[in-house]
Amino acid sequence: MATVYLTFTITKTFEEWKAVFDADQDNLVSSGIQTLAVGYQLDTPNTVRVAFSADSQKVVEDFTQQNTTDIESSGHVLESTIWETFSS
């Protein structure tokens, strides 16, 4: 298992972005991804960090590639994403 951290910029408010993210939890779970934590940087609320648990970073990458349109429409700026993966 891996813990995958994503840090990225959003173009909408955190609340708007999170409503879309929360609505997609069943899709994440069915793809083998569990959300561990979600939050924004206190002094920069348009910077978000999400922690996922999955078999590998590739599982999360594949999900992202398969759902690019929905992710971008949430306000997530895909080009800003920083990926970090740790053992769990």
PDB file of N, CA and C in Angstrom:
ATOM      1  N   MET A   1       0.847  -1.190   0.000  1.00  0.00           N
ATOM      2  CA  MET A   1       0.000   0.000   0.000  1.00  0.00           C
ATOM      3  C   MET A   1       0.885   1.243   0.000  1.00  0.00           C
ATOM      4  N   ALA A   2       0.295   2.319  -0.503  1.00  0.00           N
ATOM      5  CA  ALA A   2       1.001   3.592  -0.574  1.00  0.00           C
ATOM      6  C   ALA A   2       0.082   4.702  -0.082  1.00  0.00           C
ATOM      7  N   THR A   3       0.695   5.712   0.507  1.00  0.00           N
ATOM      8  CA  THR A   3      -0.019   6.938   0.824  1.00  0.00           C
ATOM      9  C   THR A   3       0.436   7.967  -0.190  1.00  0.00           C
ATOM     10  N   VAL A   4      -0.523   8.476  -0.953  1.00  0.00           N
ATOM     11  CA  VAL A   4      -0.224   9.412  -2.033  1.00  0.00           C
ATOM     12  C   VAL A   4      -0.758  10.784  -1.641  1.00  0.00           C
ATOM     13  N   TYR A   5       0.145  11.764  -1.616  1.00  0.00           N
ATOM     14  CA  TYR A   5      -0.217  13.137  -1.292  1.00  0.00           C
ATOM     15  C   TYR A   5      -0.230  13.955  -2.575  1.00  0.00           C
ATOM     16  N   LEU A   6      -1.305  14.696  -2.782  1.00  0.00           N
ATOM     17  CA  LEU A   6      -1.385  15.620  -3.903  1.00  0.00           C
ATOM     18  C   LEU A   6      -1.541  17.024  -3.345  1.00  0.00           C
ATOM     19  N   THR A   7      -0.725  17.933  -3.835  1.00  0.00           N
ATOM     20  CA  THR A   7      -0.836  19.342  -3.491  1.00  0.00           C
ATOM     21  C   THR A   7      -1.066  20.083  -4.801  1.00  0.00           C
ATOM     22  N   PHE A   8      -2.085  20.961  -4.829  1.00  0.00           N
ATOM     23  CA  PHE A   8      -2.417  21.621  -6.087  1.00  0.00           C
ATOM     24  C   PHE A   8      -3.175  22.919  -5.833  1.00  0.00           C
ATOM     25  N   THR A   9      -3.299  23.702  -6.880  1.00  0.00           N
ATOM     26  CA  THR A   9      -4.015  24.967  -6.848  1.00  0.00           C
ATOM     27  C   THR A   9      -5.435  24.745  -7.355  1.00  0.00           C
ATOM     28  N   ILE A  10      -6.374  25.490  -6.783  1.00  0.00           N
ATOM     29  CA  ILE A  10      -7.754  25.470  -7.272  1.00  0.00           C
ATOM     30  C   ILE A  10      -8.163  26.875  -7.714  1.00  0.00           C
ATOM     31  N   THR A  11      -9.103  26.928  -8.669  1.00  0.00           N
ATOM     32  CA  THR A  11      -9.581  28.211  -9.182  1.00  0.00           C
ATOM     33  C   THR A  11     -10.923  28.607  -8.590  1.00  0.00           C
ATOM     34  N   LYS A  12     -11.519  27.713  -7.810  1.00  0.00           N
ATOM     35  CA  LYS A  12     -12.784  27.996  -7.127  1.00  0.00           C
ATOM     36  C   LYS A  12     -12.506  28.078  -5.638  1.00  0.00           C
ATOM     37  N   THR A  13     -13.515  28.408  -4.849  1.00  0.00           N
ATOM     38  CA  THR A  13     -13.310  28.393  -3.405  1.00  0.00           C
ATOM     39  C   THR A  13     -13.098  26.947  -2.952  1.00  0.00           C
ATOM     40  N   PHE A  14     -12.502  26.787  -1.786  1.00  0.00           N
ATOM     41  CA  PHE A  14     -12.294  25.450  -1.257  1.00  0.00           C
ATOM     42  C   PHE A  14     -13.632  24.736  -1.075  1.00  0.00           C
ATOM     43  N   GLU A  15     -14.623  25.444  -0.588  1.00  0.00           N
ATOM     44  CA  GLU A  15     -15.936  24.839  -0.352  1.00  0.00           C
ATOM     45  C   GLU A  15     -16.563  24.341  -1.655  1.00  0.00           C
ATOM     46  N   GLU A  16     -16.438  25.137  -2.727  1.00  0.00           N
ATOM     47  CA  GLU A  16     -16.969  24.720  -4.036  1.00  0.00           C
ATOM     48  C   GLU A  16     -16.221  23.492  -4.554  1.00  0.00           C
ATOM     49  N   TRP A  17     -14.890  23.535  -4.463  1.00  0.00           N
ATOM     50  CA  TRP A  17     -14.081  22.408  -4.927  1.00  0.00           C
ATOM     51  C   TRP A  17     -14.408  21.157  -4.111  1.00  0.00           C
ATOM     52  N   LYS A  18     -14.486  21.303  -2.783  1.00  0.00           N
ATOM     53  CA  LYS A  18     -14.690  20.137  -1.918  1.00  0.00           C
ATOM     54  C   LYS A  18     -16.067  19.507  -2.126  1.00  0.00           C
ATOM     55  N   ALA A  19     -17.068  20.290  -2.445  1.00  0.00           N
ATOM     56  CA  ALA A  19     -18.392  19.728  -2.713  1.00  0.00           C
ATOM     57  C   ALA A  19     -18.329  18.755  -3.893  1.00  0.00           C
ATOM     58  N   VAL A  20     -17.593  19.114  -4.927  1.00  0.00           N
ATOM     59  CA  VAL A  20     -17.425  18.230  -6.086  1.00  0.00           C
ATOM     60  C   VAL A  20     -16.600  17.011  -5.690  1.00  0.00           C
ATOM     61  N   PHE A  21     -15.525  17.228  -4.947  1.00  0.00           N
ATOM     62  CA  PHE A  21     -14.659  16.133  -4.496  1.00  0.00           C
ATOM     63  C   PHE A  21     -15.450  15.145  -3.636  1.00  0.00           C
ATOM     64  N   ASP A  22     -16.221  15.658  -2.696  1.00  0.00           N
ATOM     65  CA  ASP A  22     -17.012  14.791  -1.818  1.00  0.00           C
ATOM     66  C   ASP A  22     -18.039  13.979  -2.600  1.00  0.00           C
ATOM     67  N   ALA A  23     -18.619  14.574  -3.625  1.00  0.00           N
ATOM     68  CA  ALA A  23     -19.624  13.878  -4.431  1.00  0.00           C
ATOM     69  C   ALA A  23     -19.018  12.728  -5.234  1.00  0.00           C
ATOM     70  N   ASP A  24     -17.691  12.705  -5.371  1.00  0.00           N
ATOM     71  CA  ASP A  24     -17.028  11.682  -6.182  1.00  0.00           C
ATOM     72  C   ASP A  24     -16.417  10.558  -5.341  1.00  0.00           C
ATOM     73  N   GLN A  25     -16.688  10.516  -4.057  1.00  0.00           N
ATOM     74  CA  GLN A  25     -16.059   9.519  -3.189  1.00  0.00           C
ATOM     75  C   GLN A  25     -16.384   8.084  -3.580  1.00  0.00           C
ATOM     76  N   ASP A  26     -17.603   7.802  -3.998  1.00  0.00           N
ATOM     77  CA  ASP A  26     -17.947   6.434  -4.414  1.00  0.00           C
ATOM     78  C   ASP A  26     -17.100   6.003  -5.603  1.00  0.00           C
ATOM     79  N   ASN A  27     -16.863   6.919  -6.536  1.00  0.00           N
ATOM     80  CA  ASN A  27     -16.032   6.632  -7.709  1.00  0.00           C
ATOM     81  C   ASN A  27     -14.585   6.342  -7.290  1.00  0.00           C
ATOM     82  N   LEU A  28     -14.071   7.118  -6.350  1.00  0.00           N
ATOM     83  CA  LEU A  28     -12.716   6.884  -5.840  1.00  0.00           C
ATOM     84  C   LEU A  28     -12.621   5.507  -5.180  1.00  0.00           C
ATOM     85  N   VAL A  29     -13.562   5.217  -4.304  1.00  0.00           N
ATOM     86  CA  VAL A  29     -13.550   3.938  -3.583  1.00  0.00           C
ATOM     87  C   VAL A  29     -13.640   2.765  -4.553  1.00  0.00           C
ATOM     88  N   SER A  30     -14.506   2.868  -5.553  1.00  0.00           N
ATOM     89  CA  SER A  30     -14.638   1.767  -6.511  1.00  0.00           C
ATOM     90  C   SER A  30     -13.383   1.604  -7.369  1.00  0.00           C
ATOM     91  N   SER A  31     -12.533   2.629  -7.392  1.00  0.00           N
ATOM     92  CA  SER A  31     -11.262   2.553  -8.118  1.00  0.00           C
ATOM     93  C   SER A  31     -10.116   2.093  -7.220  1.00  0.00           C
ATOM     94  N   GLY A  32     -10.420   1.795  -5.958  1.00  0.00           N
ATOM     95  CA  GLY A  32      -9.393   1.310  -5.041  1.00  0.00           C
ATOM     96  C   GLY A  32      -8.647   2.410  -4.309  1.00  0.00           C
ATOM     97  N   ILE A  33      -9.276   3.574  -4.184  1.00  0.00           N
ATOM     98  CA  ILE A  33      -8.636   4.731  -3.557  1.00  0.00           C
ATOM     99  C   ILE A  33      -9.464   5.174  -2.352  1.00  0.00           C
ATOM    100  N   GLN A  34      -8.795   5.304  -1.214  1.00  0.00           N
ATOM    101  CA  GLN A  34      -9.455   5.787  -0.005  1.00  0.00           C
ATOM    102  C   GLN A  34      -8.903   7.167   0.336  1.00  0.00           C
ATOM    103  N   THR A  35      -9.775   8.118   0.595  1.00  0.00           N
ATOM    104  CA  THR A  35      -9.354   9.456   1.004  1.00  0.00           C
ATOM    105  C   THR A  35      -9.029   9.427   2.490  1.00  0.00           C
ATOM    106  N   LEU A  36      -7.832   9.886   2.837  1.00  0.00           N
ATOM    107  CA  LEU A  36      -7.399   9.916   4.231  1.00  0.00           C
ATOM    108  C   LEU A  36      -7.554  11.301   4.858  1.00  0.00           C
ATOM    109  N   ALA A  37      -7.266  12.344   4.079  1.00  0.00           N
ATOM    110  CA  ALA A  37      -7.343  13.712   4.603  1.00  0.00           C
ATOM    111  C   ALA A  37      -7.456  14.695   3.448  1.00  0.00           C
ATOM    112  N   VAL A  38      -8.134  15.815   3.722  1.00  0.00           N
ATOM    113  CA  VAL A  38      -8.310  16.876   2.736  1.00  0.00           C
ATOM    114  C   VAL A  38      -8.244  18.199   3.478  1.00  0.00           C
ATOM    115  N   GLY A  39      -7.499  19.151   2.938  1.00  0.00           N
ATOM    116  CA  GLY A  39      -7.455  20.465   3.564  1.00  0.00           C
ATOM    117  C   GLY A  39      -6.807  21.486   2.664  1.00  0.00           C
ATOM    118  N   TYR A  40      -6.846  22.734   3.105  1.00  0.00           N
ATOM    119  CA  TYR A  40      -6.199  23.802   2.342  1.00  0.00           C
ATOM    120  C   TYR A  40      -5.140  24.467   3.213  1.00  0.00           C
ATOM    121  N   GLN A  41      -4.193  25.102   2.553  1.00  0.00           N
ATOM    122  CA  GLN A  41      -3.121  25.791   3.254  1.00  0.00           C
ATOM    123  C   GLN A  41      -3.720  27.032   3.915  1.00  0.00           C
ATOM    124  N   LEU A  42      -3.512  27.194   5.215  1.00  0.00           N
ATOM    125  CA  LEU A  42      -4.179  28.254   5.973  1.00  0.00           C
ATOM    126  C   LEU A  42      -3.912  29.653   5.432  1.00  0.00           C
ATOM    127  N   ASP A  43      -2.689  29.933   5.009  1.00  0.00           N
ATOM    128  CA  ASP A  43      -2.391  31.271   4.512  1.00  0.00           C
ATOM    129  C   ASP A  43      -2.586  31.408   3.002  1.00  0.00           C
ATOM    130  N   THR A  44      -2.917  30.298   2.335  1.00  0.00           N
ATOM    131  CA  THR A  44      -3.171  30.315   0.892  1.00  0.00           C
ATOM    132  C   THR A  44      -4.316  29.350   0.613  1.00  0.00           C
ATOM    133  N   PRO A  45      -5.564  29.769   0.812  1.00  0.00           N
ATOM    134  CA  PRO A  45      -6.697  28.839   0.739  1.00  0.00           C
ATOM    135  C   PRO A  45      -6.950  28.228  -0.639  1.00  0.00           C
ATOM    136  N   ASN A  46      -6.278  28.732  -1.678  1.00  0.00           N
ATOM    137  CA  ASN A  46      -6.447  28.101  -2.988  1.00  0.00           C
ATOM    138  C   ASN A  46      -5.384  27.026  -3.234  1.00  0.00           C
ATOM    139  N   THR A  47      -4.607  26.689  -2.206  1.00  0.00           N
ATOM    140  CA  THR A  47      -3.664  25.569  -2.275  1.00  0.00           C
ATOM    141  C   THR A  47      -4.224  24.442  -1.423  1.00  0.00           C
ATOM    142  N   VAL A  48      -4.469  23.304  -2.070  1.00  0.00           N
ATOM    143  CA  VAL A  48      -5.134  22.169  -1.429  1.00  0.00           C
ATOM    144  C   VAL A  48      -4.170  20.995  -1.339  1.00  0.00           C
ATOM    145  N   ARG A  49      -4.319  20.218  -0.271  1.00  0.00           N
ATOM    146  CA  ARG A  49      -3.574  18.956  -0.142  1.00  0.00           C
ATOM    147  C   ARG A  49      -4.575  17.855   0.173  1.00  0.00           C
ATOM    148  N   VAL A  50      -4.409  16.738  -0.545  1.00  0.00           N
ATOM    149  CA  VAL A  50      -5.243  15.559  -0.345  1.00  0.00           C
ATOM    150  C   VAL A  50      -4.309  14.382  -0.100  1.00  0.00           C
ATOM    151  N   ALA A  51      -4.666  13.533   0.857  1.00  0.00           N
ATOM    152  CA  ALA A  51      -3.922  12.300   1.108  1.00  0.00           C
ATOM    153  C   ALA A  51      -4.830  11.124   0.775  1.00  0.00           C
ATOM    154  N   PHE A  52      -4.303  10.228  -0.055  1.00  0.00           N
ATOM    155  CA  PHE A  52      -5.029   9.026  -0.454  1.00  0.00           C
ATOM    156  C   PHE A  52      -4.273   7.789  -0.021  1.00  0.00           C
ATOM    157  N   SER A  53      -4.988   6.705   0.179  1.00  0.00           N
ATOM    158  CA  SER A  53      -4.390   5.389   0.350  1.00  0.00           C
ATOM    159  C   SER A  53      -4.807   4.557  -0.854  1.00  0.00           C
ATOM    160  N   ALA A  54      -3.822   3.904  -1.478  1.00  0.00           N
ATOM    161  CA  ALA A  54      -4.082   3.064  -2.650  1.00  0.00           C
ATOM    162  C   ALA A  54      -2.956   2.040  -2.758  1.00  0.00           C
ATOM    163  N   ASP A  55      -3.141   1.061  -3.627  1.00  0.00           N
ATOM    164  CA  ASP A  55      -2.090   0.054  -3.818  1.00  0.00           C
ATOM    165  C   ASP A  55      -0.802   0.670  -4.331  1.00  0.00           C
ATOM    166  N   SER A  56      -0.911   1.751  -5.121  1.00  0.00           N
ATOM    167  CA  SER A  56       0.276   2.410  -5.674  1.00  0.00           C
ATOM    168  C   SER A  56      -0.102   3.793  -6.179  1.00  0.00           C
ATOM    169  N   GLN A  57       0.892   4.604  -6.478  1.00  0.00           N
ATOM    170  CA  GLN A  57       0.647   5.921  -7.066  1.00  0.00           C
ATOM    171  C   GLN A  57      -0.026   5.756  -8.423  1.00  0.00           C
ATOM    172  N   LYS A  58       0.315   4.701  -9.145  1.00  0.00           N
ATOM    173  CA  LYS A  58      -0.255   4.468 -10.464  1.00  0.00           C
ATOM    174  C   LYS A  58      -1.778   4.363 -10.414  1.00  0.00           C
ATOM    175  N   VAL A  59      -2.327   3.777  -9.368  1.00  0.00           N
ATOM    176  CA  VAL A  59      -3.785   3.680  -9.226  1.00  0.00           C
ATOM    177  C   VAL A  59      -4.401   5.081  -9.216  1.00  0.00           C
ATOM    178  N   VAL A  60      -3.792   5.996  -8.472  1.00  0.00           N
ATOM    179  CA  VAL A  60      -4.295   7.367  -8.387  1.00  0.00           C
ATOM    180  C   VAL A  60      -4.063   8.096  -9.710  1.00  0.00           C
ATOM    181  N   GLU A  61      -2.899   7.882 -10.326  1.00  0.00           N
ATOM    182  CA  GLU A  61      -2.614   8.491 -11.629  1.00  0.00           C
ATOM    183  C   GLU A  61      -3.628   8.028 -12.677  1.00  0.00           C
ATOM    184  N   ASP A  62      -3.918   6.735 -12.708  1.00  0.00           N
ATOM    185  CA  ASP A  62      -4.890   6.200 -13.671  1.00  0.00           C
ATOM    186  C   ASP A  62      -6.267   6.821 -13.449  1.00  0.00           C
ATOM    187  N   PHE A  63      -6.680   6.937 -12.186  1.00  0.00           N
ATOM    188  CA  PHE A  63      -7.957   7.567 -11.876  1.00  0.00           C
ATOM    189  C   PHE A  63      -7.977   9.004 -12.395  1.00  0.00           C
ATOM    190  N   THR A  64      -6.902   9.723 -12.171  1.00  0.00           N
ATOM    191  CA  THR A  64      -6.810  11.118 -12.610  1.00  0.00           C
ATOM    192  C   THR A  64      -6.925  11.218 -14.125  1.00  0.00           C
ATOM    193  N   GLN A  65      -6.212  10.356 -14.831  1.00  0.00           N
ATOM    194  CA  GLN A  65      -6.267  10.379 -16.296  1.00  0.00           C
ATOM    195  C   GLN A  65      -7.656  10.035 -16.820  1.00  0.00           C
ATOM    196  N   GLN A  66      -8.337   9.109 -16.165  1.00  0.00           N
ATOM    197  CA  GLN A  66      -9.666   8.689 -16.613  1.00  0.00           C
ATOM    198  C   GLN A  66     -10.758   9.705 -16.275  1.00  0.00           C
ATOM    199  N   ASN A  67     -10.468  10.621 -15.359  1.00  0.00           N
ATOM    200  CA  ASN A  67     -11.476  11.587 -14.894  1.00  0.00           C
ATOM    201  C   ASN A  67     -11.017  13.034 -15.054  1.00  0.00           C
ATOM    202  N   THR A  68     -10.133  13.279 -16.005  1.00  0.00           N
ATOM    203  CA  THR A  68      -9.534  14.603 -16.191  1.00  0.00           C
ATOM    204  C   THR A  68     -10.579  15.705 -16.339  1.00  0.00           C
ATOM    205  N   THR A  69     -11.584  15.501 -17.149  1.00  0.00           N
ATOM    206  CA  THR A  69     -12.590  16.537 -17.400  1.00  0.00           C
ATOM    207  C   THR A  69     -13.319  16.929 -16.118  1.00  0.00           C
ATOM    208  N   ASP A  70     -13.756  15.929 -15.347  1.00  0.00           N
ATOM    209  CA  ASP A  70     -14.458  16.213 -14.097  1.00  0.00           C
ATOM    210  C   ASP A  70     -13.544  16.891 -13.079  1.00  0.00           C
ATOM    211  N   ILE A  71     -12.299  16.433 -13.017  1.00  0.00           N
ATOM    212  CA  ILE A  71     -11.347  17.012 -12.061  1.00  0.00           C
ATOM    213  C   ILE A  71     -11.092  18.471 -12.406  1.00  0.00           C
ATOM    214  N   GLU A  72     -10.871  18.758 -13.677  1.00  0.00           N
ATOM    215  CA  GLU A  72     -10.625  20.143 -14.087  1.00  0.00           C
ATOM    216  C   GLU A  72     -11.856  21.019 -13.853  1.00  0.00           C
ATOM    217  N   SER A  73     -13.051  20.484 -14.089  1.00  0.00           N
ATOM    218  CA  SER A  73     -14.260  21.287 -13.888  1.00  0.00           C
ATOM    219  C   SER A  73     -14.505  21.605 -12.412  1.00  0.00           C
ATOM    220  N   SER A  74     -13.889  20.830 -11.511  1.00  0.00           N
ATOM    221  CA  SER A  74     -14.008  21.107 -10.078  1.00  0.00           C
ATOM    222  C   SER A  74     -13.226  22.345  -9.662  1.00  0.00           C
ATOM    223  N   GLY A  75     -12.308  22.791 -10.535  1.00  0.00           N
ATOM    224  CA  GLY A  75     -11.434  23.916 -10.217  1.00  0.00           C
ATOM    225  C   GLY A  75     -10.000  23.508  -9.960  1.00  0.00           C
ATOM    226  N   HIS A  76      -9.713  22.208  -9.968  1.00  0.00           N
ATOM    227  CA  HIS A  76      -8.362  21.680  -9.759  1.00  0.00           C
ATOM    228  C   HIS A  76      -7.516  21.994 -10.995  1.00  0.00           C
ATOM    229  N   VAL A  77      -6.426  22.720 -10.799  1.00  0.00           N
ATOM    230  CA  VAL A  77      -5.500  23.027 -11.889  1.00  0.00           C
ATOM    231  C   VAL A  77      -4.515  21.862 -11.974  1.00  0.00           C
ATOM    232  N   LEU A  78      -4.764  20.952 -12.917  1.00  0.00           N
ATOM    233  CA  LEU A  78      -3.962  19.724 -12.991  1.00  0.00           C
ATOM    234  C   LEU A  78      -2.474  19.992 -13.157  1.00  0.00           C
ATOM    235  N   GLU A  79      -2.114  21.011 -13.925  1.00  0.00           N
ATOM    236  CA  GLU A  79      -0.702  21.307 -14.162  1.00  0.00           C
ATOM    237  C   GLU A  79       0.036  21.737 -12.905  1.00  0.00           C
ATOM    238  N   SER A  80      -0.703  22.142 -11.882  1.00  0.00           N
ATOM    239  CA  SER A  80      -0.070  22.595 -10.636  1.00  0.00           C
ATOM    240  C   SER A  80       0.181  21.451  -9.660  1.00  0.00           C
ATOM    241  N   THR A  81      -0.276  20.252  -9.975  1.00  0.00           N
ATOM    242  CA  THR A  81      -0.248  19.141  -9.025  1.00  0.00           C
ATOM    243  C   THR A  81       1.164  18.655  -8.736  1.00  0.00           C
ATOM    244  N   ILE A  82       1.466  18.562  -7.458  1.00  0.00           N
ATOM    245  CA  ILE A  82       2.720  17.974  -6.982  1.00  0.00           C
ATOM    246  C   ILE A  82       2.365  16.637  -6.346  1.00  0.00           C
ATOM    247  N   TRP A  83       3.010  15.574  -6.827  1.00  0.00           N
ATOM    248  CA  TRP A  83       2.752  14.217  -6.342  1.00  0.00           C
ATOM    249  C   TRP A  83       3.854  13.806  -5.384  1.00  0.00           C
ATOM    250  N   GLU A  84       3.473  13.229  -4.235  1.00  0.00           N
ATOM    251  CA  GLU A  84       4.418  12.641  -3.287  1.00  0.00           C
ATOM    252  C   GLU A  84       3.839  11.302  -2.846  1.00  0.00           C
ATOM    253  N   THR A  85       4.660  10.288  -2.847  1.00  0.00           N
ATOM    254  CA  THR A  85       4.183   8.960  -2.455  1.00  0.00           C
ATOM    255  C   THR A  85       5.083   8.378  -1.385  1.00  0.00           C
ATOM    256  N   PHE A  86       4.469   7.854  -0.347  1.00  0.00           N
ATOM    257  CA  PHE A  86       5.170   7.268   0.790  1.00  0.00           C
ATOM    258  C   PHE A  86       4.636   5.877   1.058  1.00  0.00           C
ATOM    259  N   SER A  87       5.433   5.054   1.690  1.00  0.00           N
ATOM    260  CA  SER A  87       4.945   3.732   2.114  1.00  0.00           C
ATOM    261  C   SER A  87       3.921   3.938   3.215  1.00  0.00           C
ATOM    262  N   SER A  88       3.046   2.961   3.365  1.00  0.00           N
ATOM    263  CA  SER A  88       2.077   3.077   4.453  1.00  0.00           C
ATOM    264  C   SER A  88       2.023   1.781   5.235  1.00  0.00           C
TER     265      SER A  88
END
